[in-house]
C-alpha atoms as a PDB file:
ATOM      1  CA  MET A   1       2.725   8.852 -13.370  1.00  0.00           C
ATOM      2  CA  LYS A   2       2.241   6.861 -16.524  1.00  0.00           C
ATOM      3  CA  SER A   3      -0.780   6.970 -18.770  1.00  0.00           C
ATOM      4  CA  PHE A   4      -0.878   3.178 -19.041  1.00  0.00           C
ATOM      5  CA  LYS A   5      -2.303   3.018 -15.527  1.00  0.00           C
ATOM      6  CA  THR A   6      -5.684   3.523 -17.137  1.00  0.00           C
ATOM      7  CA  LEU A   7      -5.274   0.035 -18.590  1.00  0.00           C
ATOM      8  CA  LEU A   8      -5.480  -1.540 -15.143  1.00  0.00           C
ATOM      9  CA  ALA A   9      -8.743  -3.104 -14.075  1.00  0.00           C
ATOM     10  CA  GLY A  10      -9.934  -2.266 -10.586  1.00  0.00           C
ATOM     11  CA  GLY A  11      -9.458  -4.682  -7.724  1.00  0.00           C
ATOM     12  CA  ALA A  12      -6.679  -6.888  -6.410  1.00  0.00           C
ATOM     13  CA  ILE A  13      -5.982 -10.475  -7.407  1.00  0.00           C
ATOM     14  CA  ALA A  14      -5.991 -12.695  -4.340  1.00  0.00           C
ATOM     15  CA  LEU A  15      -2.811 -14.757  -4.318  1.00  0.00           C
ATOM     16  CA  ALA A  16      -1.613 -17.369  -1.879  1.00  0.00           C
ATOM     17  CA  SER A  17       1.597 -16.572  -0.027  1.00  0.00           C
ATOM     18  CA  MET A  18       3.816 -18.911   1.943  1.00  0.00           C
ATOM     19  CA  SER A  19       6.389 -18.018   4.566  1.00  0.00           C
ATOM     20  CA  SER A  20       9.021 -20.492   5.746  1.00  0.00           C
ATOM     21  CA  GLN A  21       9.856 -18.647   8.967  1.00  0.00           C
ATOM     22  CA  ALA A  22       8.189 -16.354  11.460  1.00  0.00           C
ATOM     23  CA  ALA A  23       9.452 -13.035  10.074  1.00  0.00           C
ATOM     24  CA  LEU A  24       6.720 -10.759   8.790  1.00  0.00           C
ATOM     25  CA  LEU A  25       6.832 -10.550   4.989  1.00  0.00           C
ATOM     26  CA  SER A  26       4.018  -9.639   2.635  1.00  0.00           C
ATOM     27  CA  ILE A  27       3.927  -9.823  -1.145  1.00  0.00           C
ATOM     28  CA  ASN A  28       1.016  -8.722  -3.286  1.00  0.00           C
ATOM     29  CA  PHE A  29       0.094  -8.459  -6.976  1.00  0.00           C
ATOM     30  CA  SER A  30      -2.653  -5.935  -7.653  1.00  0.00           C
ATOM     31  CA  THR A  31      -4.511  -4.652 -10.699  1.00  0.00           C
ATOM     32  CA  ASP A  32      -5.878  -1.667  -8.786  1.00  0.00           C
ATOM     33  CA  PRO A  33      -4.986   1.518 -10.748  1.00  0.00           C
ATOM     34  CA  ASN A  34      -4.167   3.230  -7.441  1.00  0.00           C
ATOM     35  CA  ALA A  35      -1.734   0.529  -6.283  1.00  0.00           C
ATOM     36  CA  GLU A  36       1.447   2.476  -7.068  1.00  0.00           C
ATOM     37  CA  ALA A  37       0.132   5.711  -5.553  1.00  0.00           C
ATOM     38  CA  ASP A  38      -0.948   3.869  -2.414  1.00  0.00           C
ATOM     39  CA  PHE A  39       2.478   2.247  -2.074  1.00  0.00           C
ATOM     40  CA  LEU A  40       4.391   5.486  -2.622  1.00  0.00           C
ATOM     41  CA  SER A  41       2.233   7.308  -0.076  1.00  0.00           C
ATOM     42  CA  SER A  42       3.109   4.666   2.534  1.00  0.00           C
ATOM     43  CA  LEU A  43       6.877   5.285   2.263  1.00  0.00           C
ATOM     44  CA  VAL A  44       8.831   7.413   4.719  1.00  0.00           C
ATOM     45  CA  GLY A  45      12.272   8.949   4.230  1.00  0.00           C
ATOM     46  CA  ALA A  46      14.555   8.474   1.238  1.00  0.00           C
ATOM     47  CA  LYS A  47      13.808   6.120  -1.628  1.00  0.00           C
ATOM     48  CA  ALA A  48      15.510   4.867  -4.805  1.00  0.00           C
ATOM     49  CA  THR A  49      13.795   4.551  -8.179  1.00  0.00           C
ATOM     50  CA  GLU A  50      14.749   2.820 -11.429  1.00  0.00           C
ATOM     51  CA  THR A  51      12.891   3.652 -14.653  1.00  0.00           C
ATOM     52  CA  PHE A  52      15.401   1.894 -16.979  1.00  0.00           C
ATOM     53  CA  ASN A  53      15.326   4.970 -19.232  1.00  0.00           C
ATOM     54  CA  GLY A  54      19.051   5.516 -18.700  1.00  0.00           C
ATOM     55  CA  LEU A  55      19.951   2.005 -19.841  1.00  0.00           C
ATOM     56  CA  GLY A  56      19.021   2.458 -23.505  1.00  0.00           C
ATOM     57  CA  GLY A  57      21.084   4.084 -26.228  1.00  0.00           C
ATOM     58  CA  ALA A  58      22.343   0.900 -27.885  1.00  0.00           C
ATOM     59  CA  TYR A  59      19.478   0.349 -30.333  1.00  0.00           C
ATOM     60  CA  GLU A  60      19.844  -2.600 -32.691  1.00  0.00           C
ATOM     61  CA  SER A  61      17.595  -4.109 -35.333  1.00  0.00           C
ATOM     62  CA  ILE A  62      18.670  -7.295 -37.110  1.00  0.00           C
ATOM     63  CA  GLY A  63      15.393  -8.133 -38.810  1.00  0.00           C
ATOM     64  CA  ALA A  64      11.625  -8.228 -38.570  1.00  0.00           C
ATOM     65  CA  GLY A  65       9.925  -9.414 -35.417  1.00  0.00           C
ATOM     66  CA  ASP A  66       9.874  -8.149 -31.848  1.00  0.00           C
ATOM     67  CA  GLN A  67      12.763 -10.339 -30.686  1.00  0.00           C
ATOM     68  CA  ASN A  68      15.076  -8.926 -33.361  1.00  0.00           C
ATOM     69  CA  LYS A  69      15.007  -5.343 -32.054  1.00  0.00           C
ATOM     70  CA  TRP A  70      16.081  -3.888 -28.715  1.00  0.00           C
ATOM     71  CA  GLU A  71      17.367  -0.723 -27.028  1.00  0.00           C
ATOM     72  CA  ASN A  72      20.071  -2.622 -25.107  1.00  0.00           C
ATOM     73  CA  ARG A  73      20.870  -6.211 -24.123  1.00  0.00           C
ATOM     74  CA  SER A  74      22.939  -7.905 -21.439  1.00  0.00           C
ATOM     75  CA  SER A  75      22.813 -10.959 -19.208  1.00  0.00           C
ATOM     76  CA  VAL A  76      23.274  -8.611 -16.219  1.00  0.00           C
ATOM     77  CA  PHE A  77      22.035  -5.058 -15.635  1.00  0.00           C
ATOM     78  CA  ASN A  78      23.300  -3.083 -12.642  1.00  0.00           C
ATOM     79  CA  THR A  79      20.713  -0.481 -11.692  1.00  0.00           C
ATOM     80  CA  ALA A  80      19.873   2.077  -9.024  1.00  0.00           C
ATOM     81  CA  VAL A  81      17.837  -0.574  -7.179  1.00  0.00           C
ATOM     82  CA  GLY A  82      20.097  -3.615  -7.485  1.00  0.00           C
ATOM     83  CA  THR A  83      21.279  -6.191 -10.021  1.00  0.00           C
ATOM     84  CA  PHE A  84      19.040  -8.008 -12.495  1.00  0.00           C
ATOM     85  CA  GLU A  85      20.472 -11.204 -13.992  1.00  0.00           C
ATOM     86  CA  LEU A  86      19.187 -13.801 -16.461  1.00  0.00           C
ATOM     87  CA  ILE A  87      19.914 -17.218 -14.925  1.00  0.00           C
ATOM     88  CA  THR A  88      17.993 -19.718 -17.088  1.00  0.00           C
ATOM     89  CA  ALA A  89      17.314 -18.797 -20.706  1.00  0.00           C
ATOM     90  CA  GLY A  90      14.042 -19.328 -22.539  1.00  0.00           C
ATOM     91  CA  GLN A  91      13.250 -20.454 -26.063  1.00  0.00           C
ATOM     92  CA  THR A  92      15.770 -20.184 -28.898  1.00  0.00           C
ATOM     93  CA  THR A  93      13.263 -20.151 -31.772  1.00  0.00           C
ATOM     94  CA  GLY A  94      13.333 -16.703 -33.357  1.00  0.00           C
ATOM     95  CA  ASN A  95      15.236 -15.399 -30.348  1.00  0.00           C
ATOM     96  CA  PRO A  96      18.899 -14.803 -31.290  1.00  0.00           C
ATOM     97  CA  HIS A  97      19.926 -13.540 -27.837  1.00  0.00           C
ATOM     98  CA  ASN A  98      17.771 -15.712 -25.595  1.00  0.00           C
ATOM     99  CA  ASP A  99      20.500 -15.687 -22.932  1.00  0.00           C
ATOM    100  CA  GLN A 100      20.224 -11.928 -22.380  1.00  0.00           C
ATOM    101  CA  LEU A 101      17.777  -9.549 -20.750  1.00  0.00           C
ATOM    102  CA  MET A 102      16.549  -6.714 -22.947  1.00  0.00           C
ATOM    103  CA  ILE A 103      15.848  -3.024 -22.552  1.00  0.00           C
ATOM    104  CA  GLU A 104      12.814  -2.426 -24.746  1.00  0.00           C
ATOM    105  CA  SER A 105      10.651   0.465 -25.958  1.00  0.00           C
ATOM    106  CA  ARG A 106       7.604   1.178 -28.069  1.00  0.00           C
ATOM    107  CA  ARG A 107       9.678   1.187 -31.243  1.00  0.00           C
ATOM    108  CA  THR A 108      11.184  -2.232 -30.485  1.00  0.00           C
ATOM    109  CA  GLY A 109       7.971  -3.758 -29.130  1.00  0.00           C
ATOM    110  CA  GLU A 110       7.820  -7.067 -27.287  1.00  0.00           C
ATOM    111  CA  PHE A 111       4.566  -8.982 -27.602  1.00  0.00           C
ATOM    112  CA  GLY A 112       2.339  -6.741 -25.487  1.00  0.00           C
ATOM    113  CA  ARG A 113       4.842  -5.477 -22.956  1.00  0.00           C
ATOM    114  CA  GLN A 114       4.793  -2.041 -24.636  1.00  0.00           C
ATOM    115  CA  SER A 115       1.811  -1.313 -22.379  1.00  0.00           C
ATOM    116  CA  LEU A 116       4.546  -0.249 -19.922  1.00  0.00           C
ATOM    117  CA  ALA A 117       5.708   2.620 -22.138  1.00  0.00           C
ATOM    118  CA  SER A 118       4.099   6.056 -22.208  1.00  0.00           C
ATOM    119  CA  GLY A 119       6.419   7.415 -24.940  1.00  0.00           C
ATOM    120  CA  THR A 120       9.170   6.499 -27.388  1.00  0.00           C
ATOM    121  CA  LYS A 121      11.923   7.150 -24.828  1.00  0.00           C
ATOM    122  CA  ASP A 122      10.176   5.334 -21.996  1.00  0.00           C
ATOM    123  CA  TYR A 123      12.012   2.015 -21.606  1.00  0.00           C
ATOM    124  CA  TRP A 124      11.429  -1.122 -19.538  1.00  0.00           C
ATOM    125  CA  LEU A 125      13.401  -4.216 -18.541  1.00  0.00           C
ATOM    126  CA  ASP A 126      12.259  -7.316 -20.447  1.00  0.00           C
ATOM    127  CA  SER A 127      12.725 -10.964 -19.442  1.00  0.00           C
ATOM    128  CA  ASN A 128      13.136 -12.074 -23.069  1.00  0.00           C
ATOM    129  CA  ASP A 129      11.131 -15.233 -22.254  1.00  0.00           C
ATOM    130  CA  ALA A 130      13.665 -16.359 -19.622  1.00  0.00           C
ATOM    131  CA  GLU A 131      12.671 -19.148 -17.257  1.00  0.00           C
ATOM    132  CA  LEU A 132      14.560 -17.642 -14.305  1.00  0.00           C
ATOM    133  CA  VAL A 133      15.603 -14.048 -13.612  1.00  0.00           C
ATOM    134  CA  THR A 134      16.974 -12.792 -10.289  1.00  0.00           C
ATOM    135  CA  TRP A 135      16.985  -9.342  -8.750  1.00  0.00           C
ATOM    136  CA  THR A 136      19.620  -8.984  -6.024  1.00  0.00           C
ATOM    137  CA  PHE A 137      19.682  -6.104  -3.558  1.00  0.00           C
ATOM    138  CA  GLY A 138      23.175  -4.957  -2.604  1.00  0.00           C
ATOM    139  CA  ALA A 139      25.104  -1.845  -1.622  1.00  0.00           C
ATOM    140  CA  PRO A 140      24.304   0.993  -1.247  1.00  0.00           C
ATOM    141  CA  LEU A 141      20.731  -0.153  -0.525  1.00  0.00           C
ATOM    142  CA  THR A 142      21.613  -3.043   1.797  1.00  0.00           C
ATOM    143  CA  GLY A 143      20.045  -2.609   5.209  1.00  0.00           C
ATOM    144  CA  SER A 144      18.464   0.749   4.417  1.00  0.00           C
ATOM    145  CA  PHE A 145      14.974  -0.239   3.185  1.00  0.00           C
ATOM    146  CA  ASN A 146      12.195  -2.720   3.866  1.00  0.00           C
ATOM    147  CA  ALA A 147       9.759  -2.333   0.964  1.00  0.00           C
ATOM    148  CA  PHE A 148       9.680  -2.162  -2.805  1.00  0.00           C
ATOM    149  CA  GLY A 149       7.149  -1.968  -5.606  1.00  0.00           C
ATOM    150  CA  PHE A 150       7.117  -2.182  -9.397  1.00  0.00           C
ATOM    151  CA  TYR A 151       4.905  -2.545 -12.447  1.00  0.00           C
ATOM    152  CA  ILE A 152       4.896  -5.879 -14.271  1.00  0.00           C
ATOM    153  CA  ALA A 153       3.310  -6.348 -17.698  1.00  0.00           C
ATOM    154  CA  ASP A 154       2.215  -9.174 -19.981  1.00  0.00           C
ATOM    155  CA  ALA A 155       2.956 -11.921 -17.459  1.00  0.00           C
ATOM    156  CA  THR A 156       1.390 -15.392 -17.911  1.00  0.00           C
ATOM    157  CA  ASP A 157      -0.542 -14.654 -21.108  1.00  0.00           C
ATOM    158  CA  GLN A 158       0.938 -17.712 -22.891  1.00  0.00           C
ATOM    159  CA  GLY A 159      -0.051 -20.389 -20.403  1.00  0.00           C
ATOM    160  CA  ALA A 160       2.822 -20.102 -17.935  1.00  0.00           C
ATOM    161  CA  THR A 161       2.594 -19.324 -14.253  1.00  0.00           C
ATOM    162  CA  LEU A 162       5.008 -16.770 -12.816  1.00  0.00           C
ATOM    163  CA  THR A 163       6.255 -17.308  -9.281  1.00  0.00           C
ATOM    164  CA  LEU A 164       7.733 -14.323  -7.444  1.00  0.00           C
ATOM    165  CA  LYS A 165       9.891 -15.693  -4.621  1.00  0.00           C
ATOM    166  CA  PHE A 166      11.566 -13.273  -2.234  1.00  0.00           C
ATOM    167  CA  THR A 167      14.295 -14.507   0.106  1.00  0.00           C
ATOM    168  CA  ASN A 168      15.847 -12.460   2.885  1.00  0.00           C
ATOM    169  CA  GLY A 169      16.467 -14.964   5.657  1.00  0.00           C
ATOM    170  CA  THR A 170      12.765 -15.727   5.305  1.00  0.00           C
ATOM    171  CA  SER A 171      11.303 -16.965   2.022  1.00  0.00           C
ATOM    172  CA  THR A 172       7.917 -15.776   0.752  1.00  0.00           C
ATOM    173  CA  GLN A 173       6.300 -16.297  -2.631  1.00  0.00           C
ATOM    174  CA  VAL A 174       3.176 -15.702  -4.687  1.00  0.00           C
ATOM    175  CA  VAL A 175       2.104 -17.267  -7.956  1.00  0.00           C
ATOM    176  CA  ILE A 176       0.557 -15.186 -10.734  1.00  0.00           C
ATOM    177  CA  PRO A 177      -1.838 -17.657 -12.398  1.00  0.00           C
ATOM    178  CA  ALA A 178      -1.769 -18.601 -16.069  1.00  0.00           C
ATOM    179  CA  PHE A 179      -3.784 -17.161 -18.935  1.00  0.00           C
ATOM    180  CA  ASN A 180      -3.837 -13.478 -18.144  1.00  0.00           C
ATOM    181  CA  THR A 181      -4.755 -11.277 -21.114  1.00  0.00           C
ATOM    182  CA  ASN A 182      -2.146 -10.062 -23.584  1.00  0.00           C
ATOM    183  CA  GLY A 183      -0.632  -6.762 -22.438  1.00  0.00           C
ATOM    184  CA  ASN A 184      -1.968  -7.069 -18.887  1.00  0.00           C
ATOM    185  CA  VAL A 185      -0.437  -4.738 -16.279  1.00  0.00           C
ATOM    186  CA  GLY A 186      -0.234  -5.182 -12.512  1.00  0.00           C
ATOM    187  CA  TYR A 187       1.651  -3.696  -9.575  1.00  0.00           C
ATOM    188  CA  VAL A 188       3.724  -5.802  -7.180  1.00  0.00           C
ATOM    189  CA  THR A 189       4.551  -4.727  -3.620  1.00  0.00           C
ATOM    190  CA  ILE A 190       6.771  -6.526  -1.116  1.00  0.00           C
ATOM    191  CA  LYS A 191       7.118  -5.381   2.485  1.00  0.00           C
ATOM    192  CA  SER A 192       9.195  -6.675   5.394  1.00  0.00           C
ATOM    193  CA  ASP A 193       9.140  -5.896   9.110  1.00  0.00           C
ATOM    194  CA  VAL A 194      12.962  -5.705   9.097  1.00  0.00           C
ATOM    195  CA  ASN A 195      15.416  -3.991   6.761  1.00  0.00           C
ATOM    196  CA  VAL A 196      16.474  -6.083   3.774  1.00  0.00           C
ATOM    197  CA  LEU A 197      20.031  -7.428   3.971  1.00  0.00           C
ATOM    198  CA  GLY A 198      21.115  -8.841   0.609  1.00  0.00           C
ATOM    199  CA  GLY A 199      17.654 -10.031  -0.386  1.00  0.00           C
ATOM    200  CA  VAL A 200      16.931 -11.773  -3.698  1.00  0.00           C
ATOM    201  CA  LEU A 201      13.709 -11.751  -5.712  1.00  0.00           C
ATOM    202  CA  GLU A 202      13.384 -14.645  -8.159  1.00  0.00           C
ATOM    203  CA  PHE A 203      11.104 -14.472 -11.215  1.00  0.00           C
ATOM    204  CA  ILE A 204      10.377 -18.153 -11.932  1.00  0.00           C
ATOM    205  CA  ASN A 205       8.517 -18.842 -15.191  1.00  0.00           C
ATOM    206  CA  SER A 206       6.955 -22.273 -15.723  1.00  0.00           C
ATOM    207  CA  ASN A 207       7.614 -22.371 -19.475  1.00  0.00           C
ATOM    208  CA  ASN A 208      10.201 -20.966 -21.893  1.00  0.00           C
ATOM    209  CA  HIS A 209       7.988 -18.838 -24.139  1.00  0.00           C
ATOM    210  CA  ASP A 210       6.008 -16.525 -21.868  1.00  0.00           C
ATOM    211  CA  GLY A 211       7.856 -13.300 -21.136  1.00  0.00           C
ATOM    212  CA  TRP A 212       7.173 -10.269 -18.978  1.00  0.00           C
ATOM    213  CA  GLY A 213       8.481  -6.729 -18.492  1.00  0.00           C
ATOM    214  CA  ILE A 214       8.934  -4.528 -15.418  1.00  0.00           C
ATOM    215  CA  ASP A 215       9.210  -0.781 -14.962  1.00  0.00           C
ATOM    216  CA  ASP A 216       9.141   2.062 -12.432  1.00  0.00           C
ATOM    217  CA  VAL A 217      10.797   0.130  -9.622  1.00  0.00           C
ATOM    218  CA  THR A 218      10.776   1.922  -6.259  1.00  0.00           C
ATOM    219  CA  VAL A 219      12.677   0.843  -3.142  1.00  0.00           C
ATOM    220  CA  GLY A 220      11.987   2.540   0.184  1.00  0.00           C
ATOM    221  CA  THR A 221      10.889   2.196   3.781  1.00  0.00           C
ATOM    222  CA  VAL A 222       7.492   1.738   5.356  1.00  0.00           C
ATOM    223  CA  PRO A 223       7.037   2.214   9.113  1.00  0.00           C
ATOM    224  CA  GLU A 224       7.591  -1.009  11.035  1.00  0.00           C
ATOM    225  CA  PRO A 225       4.504  -2.525  12.694  1.00  0.00           C
ATOM    226  CA  SER A 226       5.996  -1.826  16.142  1.00  0.00           C
ATOM    227  CA  THR A 227       6.375   1.847  15.215  1.00  0.00           C
ATOM    228  CA  LEU A 228       2.779   2.013  14.060  1.00  0.00           C
ATOM    229  CA  LEU A 229       1.673   0.306  17.270  1.00  0.00           C
ATOM    230  CA  LEU A 230       3.539   2.833  19.397  1.00  0.00           C
ATOM    231  CA  MET A 231       2.049   5.670  17.368  1.00  0.00           C
ATOM    232  CA  GLY A 232      -1.399   4.185  17.878  1.00  0.00           C
ATOM    233  CA  LEU A 233      -0.864   3.796  21.616  1.00  0.00           C
ATOM    234  CA  GLY A 234       0.393   7.376  21.768  1.00  0.00           C
ATOM    235  CA  LEU A 235      -2.732   8.649  20.052  1.00  0.00           C
ATOM    236  CA  LEU A 236      -4.912   6.605  22.403  1.00  0.00           C
ATOM    237  CA  GLY A 237      -3.053   8.047  25.383  1.00  0.00           C
ATOM    238  CA  LEU A 238      -3.425  11.566  24.048  1.00  0.00           C
ATOM    239  CA  GLY A 239      -7.136  11.018  23.525  1.00  0.00           C
ATOM    240  CA  ALA A 240      -7.556   9.680  27.064  1.00  0.00           C
ATOM    241  CA  ALA A 241      -5.667  12.650  28.514  1.00  0.00           C
ATOM    242  CA  ARG A 242      -7.889  15.069  26.617  1.00  0.00           C
ATOM    243  CA  ARG A 243     -10.997  13.305  27.892  1.00  0.00           C
ATOM    244  CA  ARG A 244      -9.720  13.528  31.476  1.00  0.00           C
ATOM    245  CA  ASN A 245      -8.992  17.232  31.071  1.00  0.00           C
ATOM    246  CA  ALA A 246     -12.420  17.815  29.599  1.00  0.00           C
ATOM    247  CA  ALA A 247     -14.046  16.006  32.528  1.00  0.00           C
ATOM    248  CA  GLN A 248     -12.273  18.186  35.119  1.00  0.00           C
END
């Protein structure tokens, strides 16, 4: 667990969600310091995790300023939890590679997103002020999970709103409101009542100069509501049987 969790303020931000179909999807952005632990404790079976620490090793520095240093850069990063791709670039001013996502660290910095890093070799994926980034879930994860969670830092501190739109047959979204504090950290969780088949999460920024970073992405499975209902009915039945036996 990372030390930067102590930066999180208690409580969850209430966000509106919209669903275009009847499938059960939930998406939540929380500033509760226990949000990650609560999510991980809800998972059953195998899970996949991406820390982005293995995607560094290509450090470059071409000048002063946070956008002139990086641990790696690419328009597409294939990871243990799917593919991240920059679709619509952000500002060009002082940003020589605005069409690429960045792997960043404490030594490279990135306007407050270093709150994600607990050490010099702890990296994160940075939007580089992009207006649209997608995260696509494919093989080998396709059809084998129904929930995921991740930290997001420094979102919407420059007046933008950030919409997280998840599509997997059903479309659900939340909007992180503008004017969060610099270096803010939250935890996002998305859960479905069915396994995800080729789902896509879109990060939609409302301006071209308000970036964000993500880290510690976990993909796994939470029990389906029907399973929980059956478990609950089973416990009720067991309790009733015990009461009958006690009465005899």
